[in-house]
N, C-alpha and C. Protein backbone atom coordinates (compact mmCIF):
# COMPACT_ATOMS: atom_id res chain seq x y z
N MET A 1 -9.41 9.24 -17.98
CA MET A 1 -10.18 9.42 -16.75
C MET A 1 -10.16 8.15 -15.90
N ARG A 2 -10.28 6.99 -16.56
CA ARG A 2 -10.30 5.72 -15.84
C ARG A 2 -9.01 5.53 -15.04
N ASP A 3 -7.86 5.95 -15.64
CA ASP A 3 -6.58 5.80 -14.95
C ASP A 3 -6.51 6.66 -13.68
N LEU A 4 -7.24 7.75 -13.64
CA LEU A 4 -7.25 8.59 -12.44
C LEU A 4 -8.14 8.01 -11.36
N ILE A 5 -9.22 7.35 -11.77
CA ILE A 5 -10.14 6.76 -10.80
C ILE A 5 -9.62 5.41 -10.31
N ASP A 6 -9.08 4.61 -11.23
CA ASP A 6 -8.58 3.28 -10.88
C ASP A 6 -7.14 3.38 -10.41
N THR A 7 -6.98 3.94 -9.22
CA THR A 7 -5.65 4.09 -8.63
C THR A 7 -5.69 3.53 -7.20
N PRO A 8 -4.54 3.11 -6.70
CA PRO A 8 -4.50 2.56 -5.34
C PRO A 8 -5.06 3.49 -4.26
N PRO A 9 -4.82 4.81 -4.31
CA PRO A 9 -5.42 5.65 -3.26
C PRO A 9 -6.95 5.61 -3.25
N VAL A 10 -7.55 5.51 -4.42
CA VAL A 10 -9.01 5.43 -4.48
C VAL A 10 -9.48 4.11 -3.86
N TRP A 11 -8.80 3.02 -4.20
CA TRP A 11 -9.16 1.73 -3.60
C TRP A 11 -8.94 1.75 -2.09
N LEU A 12 -7.84 2.37 -1.65
CA LEU A 12 -7.58 2.47 -0.21
C LEU A 12 -8.71 3.24 0.49
N ILE A 13 -9.14 4.34 -0.09
CA ILE A 13 -10.24 5.12 0.50
C ILE A 13 -11.52 4.29 0.57
N LEU A 14 -11.80 3.52 -0.47
CA LEU A 14 -13.00 2.66 -0.47
C LEU A 14 -12.92 1.61 0.64
N PHE A 15 -11.76 0.99 0.81
CA PHE A 15 -11.60 -0.02 1.87
C PHE A 15 -11.69 0.62 3.25
N ILE A 16 -11.09 1.80 3.42
CA ILE A 16 -11.18 2.51 4.70
C ILE A 16 -12.63 2.89 4.98
N ALA A 17 -13.34 3.35 3.96
CA ALA A 17 -14.76 3.71 4.13
C ALA A 17 -15.58 2.48 4.51
N ALA A 18 -15.26 1.33 3.93
CA ALA A 18 -15.97 0.10 4.27
C ALA A 18 -15.73 -0.27 5.74
N ALA A 19 -14.49 -0.11 6.19
CA ALA A 19 -14.17 -0.40 7.60
C ALA A 19 -14.92 0.57 8.52
N TRP A 20 -14.94 1.83 8.16
CA TRP A 20 -15.66 2.82 8.97
C TRP A 20 -17.14 2.47 9.03
N ALA A 21 -17.72 2.14 7.87
CA ALA A 21 -19.15 1.79 7.83
C ALA A 21 -19.42 0.55 8.68
N GLN A 22 -18.56 -0.43 8.60
CA GLN A 22 -18.74 -1.65 9.40
C GLN A 22 -18.70 -1.32 10.88
N SER A 23 -17.81 -0.42 11.27
CA SER A 23 -17.71 -0.08 12.70
C SER A 23 -18.96 0.65 13.20
N ARG A 24 -19.63 1.37 12.31
CA ARG A 24 -20.82 2.12 12.70
C ARG A 24 -22.11 1.31 12.58
N VAL A 25 -22.21 0.49 11.54
CA VAL A 25 -23.46 -0.21 11.24
C VAL A 25 -23.51 -1.62 11.83
N LEU A 26 -22.36 -2.32 11.86
CA LEU A 26 -22.35 -3.72 12.23
C LEU A 26 -21.21 -4.05 13.20
N PRO A 27 -21.16 -3.40 14.36
CA PRO A 27 -20.06 -3.68 15.29
C PRO A 27 -20.19 -5.04 15.98
N LEU A 28 -21.39 -5.55 16.13
CA LEU A 28 -21.67 -6.85 16.77
C LEU A 28 -21.09 -6.98 18.18
N GLY A 29 -20.85 -5.87 18.83
CA GLY A 29 -20.33 -5.91 20.19
C GLY A 29 -18.86 -6.33 20.29
N LEU A 30 -18.19 -6.45 19.16
CA LEU A 30 -16.77 -6.82 19.16
C LEU A 30 -15.93 -5.56 19.30
N SER A 31 -14.83 -5.67 20.04
CA SER A 31 -14.00 -4.49 20.25
C SER A 31 -12.57 -4.88 20.61
N VAL A 32 -11.64 -4.07 20.15
CA VAL A 32 -10.24 -4.17 20.58
C VAL A 32 -9.83 -2.86 21.24
N GLU A 33 -10.84 -2.10 21.68
CA GLU A 33 -10.58 -0.80 22.28
C GLU A 33 -9.68 -0.95 23.51
N HIS A 34 -8.51 -0.34 23.40
CA HIS A 34 -7.51 -0.43 24.45
C HIS A 34 -6.45 0.63 24.13
N PRO A 35 -5.81 1.20 25.13
CA PRO A 35 -4.77 2.19 24.85
C PRO A 35 -3.66 1.66 23.93
N VAL A 36 -3.34 0.39 24.03
CA VAL A 36 -2.31 -0.19 23.16
C VAL A 36 -2.79 -0.21 21.71
N ALA A 37 -4.08 -0.51 21.49
CA ALA A 37 -4.65 -0.49 20.14
C ALA A 37 -4.61 0.93 19.57
N ASP A 38 -4.90 1.92 20.43
CA ASP A 38 -4.83 3.32 19.99
C ASP A 38 -3.40 3.69 19.60
N LEU A 39 -2.43 3.29 20.42
CA LEU A 39 -1.03 3.57 20.12
C LEU A 39 -0.61 2.88 18.82
N LEU A 40 -0.97 1.62 18.69
CA LEU A 40 -0.62 0.85 17.50
C LEU A 40 -1.25 1.46 16.25
N SER A 41 -2.50 1.89 16.34
CA SER A 41 -3.15 2.51 15.18
C SER A 41 -2.42 3.79 14.77
N GLY A 42 -2.02 4.58 15.75
CA GLY A 42 -1.27 5.80 15.46
C GLY A 42 0.07 5.50 14.82
N LEU A 43 0.75 4.48 15.33
CA LEU A 43 2.05 4.09 14.75
C LEU A 43 1.89 3.58 13.32
N LEU A 44 0.85 2.78 13.07
CA LEU A 44 0.62 2.24 11.73
C LEU A 44 0.27 3.36 10.74
N ILE A 45 -0.61 4.26 11.15
CA ILE A 45 -1.00 5.36 10.27
C ILE A 45 0.20 6.29 10.03
N GLY A 46 0.89 6.65 11.09
CA GLY A 46 2.06 7.52 10.96
C GLY A 46 3.16 6.86 10.13
N GLY A 47 3.42 5.58 10.40
CA GLY A 47 4.44 4.86 9.64
C GLY A 47 4.07 4.76 8.17
N GLY A 48 2.79 4.51 7.89
CA GLY A 48 2.34 4.45 6.51
C GLY A 48 2.52 5.76 5.79
N LEU A 49 2.19 6.86 6.47
CA LEU A 49 2.35 8.18 5.85
C LEU A 49 3.82 8.50 5.60
N VAL A 50 4.69 8.18 6.55
CA VAL A 50 6.13 8.41 6.37
C VAL A 50 6.66 7.56 5.21
N LEU A 51 6.22 6.33 5.13
CA LEU A 51 6.66 5.45 4.04
C LEU A 51 6.21 5.99 2.68
N ILE A 52 4.99 6.48 2.59
CA ILE A 52 4.51 7.07 1.34
C ILE A 52 5.34 8.31 0.99
N LEU A 53 5.59 9.15 1.97
CA LEU A 53 6.35 10.37 1.73
C LEU A 53 7.77 10.04 1.25
N THR A 54 8.45 9.14 1.93
CA THR A 54 9.82 8.80 1.52
C THR A 54 9.84 8.13 0.14
N SER A 55 8.82 7.34 -0.16
CA SER A 55 8.73 6.71 -1.48
C SER A 55 8.49 7.76 -2.56
N ALA A 56 7.58 8.68 -2.30
CA ALA A 56 7.28 9.73 -3.28
C ALA A 56 8.50 10.62 -3.51
N LEU A 57 9.25 10.89 -2.46
CA LEU A 57 10.47 11.68 -2.62
C LEU A 57 11.50 10.94 -3.46
N ALA A 58 11.55 9.62 -3.34
CA ALA A 58 12.47 8.83 -4.16
C ALA A 58 12.10 8.94 -5.64
N PHE A 59 10.80 8.90 -5.94
CA PHE A 59 10.36 9.07 -7.33
C PHE A 59 10.77 10.45 -7.85
N ARG A 60 10.58 11.45 -7.02
CA ARG A 60 10.95 12.81 -7.42
C ARG A 60 12.46 12.93 -7.64
N LYS A 61 13.22 12.38 -6.72
CA LYS A 61 14.69 12.43 -6.82
C LYS A 61 15.19 11.75 -8.09
N HIS A 62 14.58 10.63 -8.45
CA HIS A 62 15.01 9.88 -9.63
C HIS A 62 14.29 10.32 -10.90
N ARG A 63 13.45 11.35 -10.78
CA ARG A 63 12.74 11.94 -11.92
C ARG A 63 12.04 10.89 -12.78
N THR A 64 11.18 10.14 -12.13
CA THR A 64 10.39 9.12 -12.82
C THR A 64 8.95 9.16 -12.32
N THR A 65 8.07 8.54 -13.04
CA THR A 65 6.65 8.61 -12.72
C THR A 65 6.26 7.74 -11.52
N ILE A 66 5.33 8.25 -10.76
CA ILE A 66 4.79 7.50 -9.62
C ILE A 66 3.45 6.87 -9.97
N MET A 67 2.92 7.20 -11.15
CA MET A 67 1.61 6.72 -11.57
C MET A 67 1.63 5.21 -11.84
N PRO A 68 0.69 4.46 -11.27
CA PRO A 68 0.72 3.00 -11.37
C PRO A 68 0.46 2.43 -12.76
N HIS A 69 -0.21 3.15 -13.65
CA HIS A 69 -0.51 2.62 -14.98
C HIS A 69 0.54 3.03 -16.02
N GLN A 70 1.60 3.69 -15.57
CA GLN A 70 2.65 4.14 -16.48
C GLN A 70 3.96 3.44 -16.16
N THR A 71 4.78 3.22 -17.17
CA THR A 71 6.09 2.60 -16.96
C THR A 71 7.08 3.68 -16.57
N PRO A 72 7.78 3.48 -15.46
CA PRO A 72 8.78 4.49 -15.06
C PRO A 72 9.98 4.50 -16.01
N GLU A 73 10.71 5.59 -15.99
CA GLU A 73 11.88 5.73 -16.85
C GLU A 73 13.08 4.97 -16.31
N ARG A 74 13.07 4.70 -15.01
CA ARG A 74 14.20 3.98 -14.38
C ARG A 74 13.70 3.23 -13.15
N ILE A 75 14.49 2.27 -12.72
CA ILE A 75 14.17 1.49 -11.53
C ILE A 75 14.81 2.18 -10.33
N ILE A 76 14.03 2.41 -9.31
CA ILE A 76 14.56 2.98 -8.06
C ILE A 76 14.98 1.80 -7.18
N GLN A 77 16.25 1.77 -6.80
CA GLN A 77 16.76 0.65 -6.01
C GLN A 77 17.41 1.08 -4.71
N SER A 78 17.26 2.35 -4.37
CA SER A 78 17.88 2.85 -3.14
C SER A 78 16.80 3.26 -2.14
N GLY A 79 17.23 3.59 -0.93
CA GLY A 79 16.30 4.01 0.11
C GLY A 79 15.33 2.90 0.46
N VAL A 80 14.05 3.22 0.58
CA VAL A 80 13.06 2.21 0.95
C VAL A 80 12.91 1.15 -0.14
N TYR A 81 13.29 1.49 -1.37
CA TYR A 81 13.20 0.54 -2.47
C TYR A 81 14.32 -0.51 -2.44
N ALA A 82 15.26 -0.36 -1.53
CA ALA A 82 16.27 -1.40 -1.32
C ALA A 82 15.73 -2.48 -0.38
N ARG A 83 14.61 -2.21 0.28
CA ARG A 83 13.99 -3.17 1.22
C ARG A 83 12.69 -3.77 0.71
N SER A 84 11.97 -3.02 -0.11
CA SER A 84 10.68 -3.46 -0.63
C SER A 84 10.51 -2.92 -2.04
N ARG A 85 10.03 -3.77 -2.95
CA ARG A 85 9.78 -3.30 -4.31
C ARG A 85 8.50 -2.45 -4.37
N ASN A 86 7.68 -2.55 -3.34
CA ASN A 86 6.39 -1.85 -3.33
C ASN A 86 6.11 -1.15 -2.01
N PRO A 87 6.96 -0.24 -1.59
CA PRO A 87 6.75 0.38 -0.28
C PRO A 87 5.47 1.22 -0.19
N ILE A 88 5.01 1.78 -1.30
CA ILE A 88 3.77 2.57 -1.23
C ILE A 88 2.58 1.66 -0.99
N TYR A 89 2.55 0.51 -1.65
CA TYR A 89 1.46 -0.44 -1.43
C TYR A 89 1.53 -1.03 -0.02
N LEU A 90 2.73 -1.25 0.46
CA LEU A 90 2.91 -1.69 1.84
C LEU A 90 2.37 -0.62 2.79
N ALA A 91 2.67 0.63 2.51
CA ALA A 91 2.17 1.74 3.32
C ALA A 91 0.65 1.80 3.29
N ASP A 92 0.07 1.55 2.12
CA ASP A 92 -1.40 1.53 2.01
C ASP A 92 -2.00 0.46 2.93
N ALA A 93 -1.38 -0.71 2.95
CA ALA A 93 -1.87 -1.79 3.83
C ALA A 93 -1.73 -1.40 5.30
N LEU A 94 -0.62 -0.73 5.65
CA LEU A 94 -0.43 -0.26 7.02
C LEU A 94 -1.48 0.78 7.39
N LEU A 95 -1.77 1.68 6.47
CA LEU A 95 -2.81 2.69 6.72
C LEU A 95 -4.17 2.04 6.93
N LEU A 96 -4.51 1.09 6.08
CA LEU A 96 -5.79 0.40 6.24
C LEU A 96 -5.87 -0.28 7.60
N LEU A 97 -4.84 -0.99 7.97
CA LEU A 97 -4.83 -1.67 9.27
C LEU A 97 -4.91 -0.66 10.40
N GLY A 98 -4.19 0.45 10.28
CA GLY A 98 -4.24 1.49 11.31
C GLY A 98 -5.62 2.08 11.47
N PHE A 99 -6.30 2.35 10.36
CA PHE A 99 -7.66 2.91 10.44
C PHE A 99 -8.66 1.89 10.97
N ILE A 100 -8.48 0.63 10.63
CA ILE A 100 -9.36 -0.41 11.18
C ILE A 100 -9.24 -0.43 12.71
N LEU A 101 -8.01 -0.34 13.21
CA LEU A 101 -7.82 -0.27 14.67
C LEU A 101 -8.41 1.02 15.23
N ARG A 102 -8.19 2.13 14.55
CA ARG A 102 -8.70 3.43 15.02
C ARG A 102 -10.22 3.42 15.10
N PHE A 103 -10.89 2.81 14.10
CA PHE A 103 -12.35 2.74 14.08
C PHE A 103 -12.89 1.63 14.98
N ASP A 104 -12.01 0.79 15.50
CA ASP A 104 -12.41 -0.37 16.29
C ASP A 104 -13.36 -1.26 15.48
N ALA A 105 -12.99 -1.48 14.22
CA ALA A 105 -13.79 -2.24 13.26
C ALA A 105 -13.27 -3.67 13.18
N VAL A 106 -13.50 -4.44 14.21
CA VAL A 106 -12.94 -5.78 14.34
C VAL A 106 -13.25 -6.67 13.13
N LEU A 107 -14.49 -6.67 12.67
CA LEU A 107 -14.86 -7.49 11.52
C LEU A 107 -14.11 -7.10 10.25
N SER A 108 -13.61 -5.89 10.20
CA SER A 108 -12.93 -5.40 9.01
C SER A 108 -11.47 -5.84 8.90
N PHE A 109 -10.95 -6.52 9.91
CA PHE A 109 -9.58 -7.03 9.78
C PHE A 109 -9.43 -7.91 8.54
N VAL A 110 -10.50 -8.56 8.15
CA VAL A 110 -10.49 -9.41 6.96
C VAL A 110 -10.25 -8.59 5.69
N LEU A 111 -10.50 -7.28 5.74
CA LEU A 111 -10.28 -6.43 4.58
C LEU A 111 -8.80 -6.29 4.23
N VAL A 112 -7.91 -6.43 5.20
CA VAL A 112 -6.48 -6.23 4.94
C VAL A 112 -5.96 -7.26 3.94
N PRO A 113 -6.13 -8.58 4.16
CA PRO A 113 -5.64 -9.51 3.15
C PRO A 113 -6.37 -9.39 1.82
N ILE A 114 -7.65 -9.01 1.86
CA ILE A 114 -8.39 -8.81 0.61
C ILE A 114 -7.80 -7.62 -0.15
N PHE A 115 -7.51 -6.54 0.57
CA PHE A 115 -6.90 -5.36 -0.05
C PHE A 115 -5.54 -5.70 -0.65
N VAL A 116 -4.72 -6.42 0.10
CA VAL A 116 -3.38 -6.80 -0.39
C VAL A 116 -3.52 -7.66 -1.65
N TRP A 117 -4.44 -8.61 -1.63
CA TRP A 117 -4.66 -9.46 -2.80
C TRP A 117 -5.10 -8.62 -3.99
N TRP A 118 -6.05 -7.70 -3.77
CA TRP A 118 -6.57 -6.89 -4.87
C TRP A 118 -5.50 -5.98 -5.45
N ILE A 119 -4.72 -5.33 -4.61
CA ILE A 119 -3.66 -4.43 -5.07
C ILE A 119 -2.61 -5.22 -5.85
N GLU A 120 -2.28 -6.39 -5.35
CA GLU A 120 -1.29 -7.22 -6.05
C GLU A 120 -1.81 -7.62 -7.43
N LYS A 121 -3.05 -8.09 -7.47
CA LYS A 121 -3.65 -8.54 -8.74
C LYS A 121 -3.85 -7.37 -9.71
N ARG A 122 -4.38 -6.27 -9.21
CA ARG A 122 -4.78 -5.15 -10.07
C ARG A 122 -3.63 -4.24 -10.47
N PHE A 123 -2.63 -4.08 -9.58
CA PHE A 123 -1.58 -3.11 -9.85
C PHE A 123 -0.17 -3.71 -9.89
N ILE A 124 0.20 -4.47 -8.87
CA ILE A 124 1.58 -4.93 -8.76
C ILE A 124 1.96 -5.87 -9.91
N LEU A 125 1.17 -6.89 -10.15
CA LEU A 125 1.53 -7.85 -11.21
C LEU A 125 1.64 -7.20 -12.58
N PRO A 126 0.70 -6.33 -12.99
CA PRO A 126 0.88 -5.64 -14.27
C PRO A 126 2.10 -4.70 -14.28
N GLU A 127 2.36 -4.03 -13.16
CA GLU A 127 3.53 -3.16 -13.08
C GLU A 127 4.81 -3.97 -13.22
N GLU A 128 4.88 -5.09 -12.52
CA GLU A 128 6.07 -5.94 -12.62
C GLU A 128 6.26 -6.45 -14.04
N ASP A 129 5.18 -6.80 -14.70
CA ASP A 129 5.27 -7.27 -16.08
C ASP A 129 5.85 -6.17 -16.98
N ARG A 130 5.37 -4.94 -16.83
CA ARG A 130 5.91 -3.82 -17.62
C ARG A 130 7.38 -3.59 -17.31
N MET A 131 7.74 -3.69 -16.04
CA MET A 131 9.14 -3.48 -15.64
C MET A 131 10.04 -4.58 -16.24
N ARG A 132 9.57 -5.82 -16.21
CA ARG A 132 10.35 -6.92 -16.79
C ARG A 132 10.58 -6.70 -18.29
N ARG A 133 9.54 -6.29 -18.99
CA ARG A 133 9.66 -6.07 -20.44
C ARG A 133 10.55 -4.87 -20.75
N THR A 134 10.51 -3.85 -19.92
CA THR A 134 11.26 -2.62 -20.18
C THR A 134 12.72 -2.74 -19.75
N PHE A 135 12.96 -3.29 -18.56
CA PHE A 135 14.31 -3.25 -17.99
C PHE A 135 15.03 -4.60 -18.00
N ARG A 136 14.35 -5.63 -18.39
CA ARG A 136 14.88 -6.99 -18.56
C ARG A 136 15.85 -7.43 -17.46
N LEU A 137 17.13 -7.52 -17.76
CA LEU A 137 18.12 -8.07 -16.84
C LEU A 137 18.25 -7.24 -15.56
N GLU A 138 18.21 -5.93 -15.69
CA GLU A 138 18.32 -5.06 -14.50
C GLU A 138 17.18 -5.33 -13.53
N TYR A 139 15.96 -5.47 -14.05
CA TYR A 139 14.82 -5.74 -13.18
C TYR A 139 14.88 -7.16 -12.63
N ALA A 140 15.36 -8.11 -13.41
CA ALA A 140 15.49 -9.49 -12.94
C ALA A 140 16.43 -9.55 -11.73
N ARG A 141 17.52 -8.81 -11.80
CA ARG A 141 18.46 -8.77 -10.66
C ARG A 141 17.80 -8.10 -9.45
N TYR A 142 17.10 -7.02 -9.69
CA TYR A 142 16.41 -6.31 -8.61
C TYR A 142 15.37 -7.21 -7.96
N GLU A 143 14.61 -7.93 -8.77
CA GLU A 143 13.58 -8.85 -8.27
C GLU A 143 14.17 -9.94 -7.38
N GLN A 144 15.34 -10.43 -7.75
CA GLN A 144 15.99 -11.47 -6.95
C GLN A 144 16.53 -10.92 -5.65
N LYS A 145 16.94 -9.66 -5.66
CA LYS A 145 17.57 -9.04 -4.50
C LYS A 145 16.56 -8.49 -3.49
N VAL A 146 15.43 -7.97 -3.96
CA VAL A 146 14.47 -7.27 -3.10
C VAL A 146 13.11 -7.94 -3.19
N ARG A 147 12.53 -8.21 -2.04
CA ARG A 147 11.21 -8.88 -1.99
C ARG A 147 10.10 -7.93 -2.42
N ARG A 148 8.97 -8.53 -2.83
CA ARG A 148 7.84 -7.75 -3.32
C ARG A 148 7.26 -6.87 -2.20
N TRP A 149 7.04 -7.41 -1.02
CA TRP A 149 6.42 -6.66 0.07
C TRP A 149 7.43 -6.27 1.14
N LEU A 150 8.02 -7.24 1.79
CA LEU A 150 8.99 -6.97 2.87
C LEU A 150 10.18 -7.89 2.74
């Protein structure tokens, strides 16, 4: 049960909810409300969703697990995974930033680096450790070739 609750989507929802609450309860008169901010928020949210979809399709194509607490059967190195080792987590950060702009939650911009730090500490580093132990040389080459985020 813990593995289902302690997942990146749950953390993303909590951070988005915090940004929404901040925009409603503690706006402090700060605003980035502008048509460009609206456009950018739409692009970030849309881009994040497309990135998640393409990443999930890669997992399906390669017939391996997408679950963060499980070791995949193989390393995906094509498509979006040729550019980023963690495109889903990158997409999560884009979604958070997009919703912060959409909610006009200026004080919540600080949540983005906190979210990235938390996801890296809680999910990415343990996943990378499992991948190193499981795939050894293949993962070492992949790590040298492809950056963690971008």
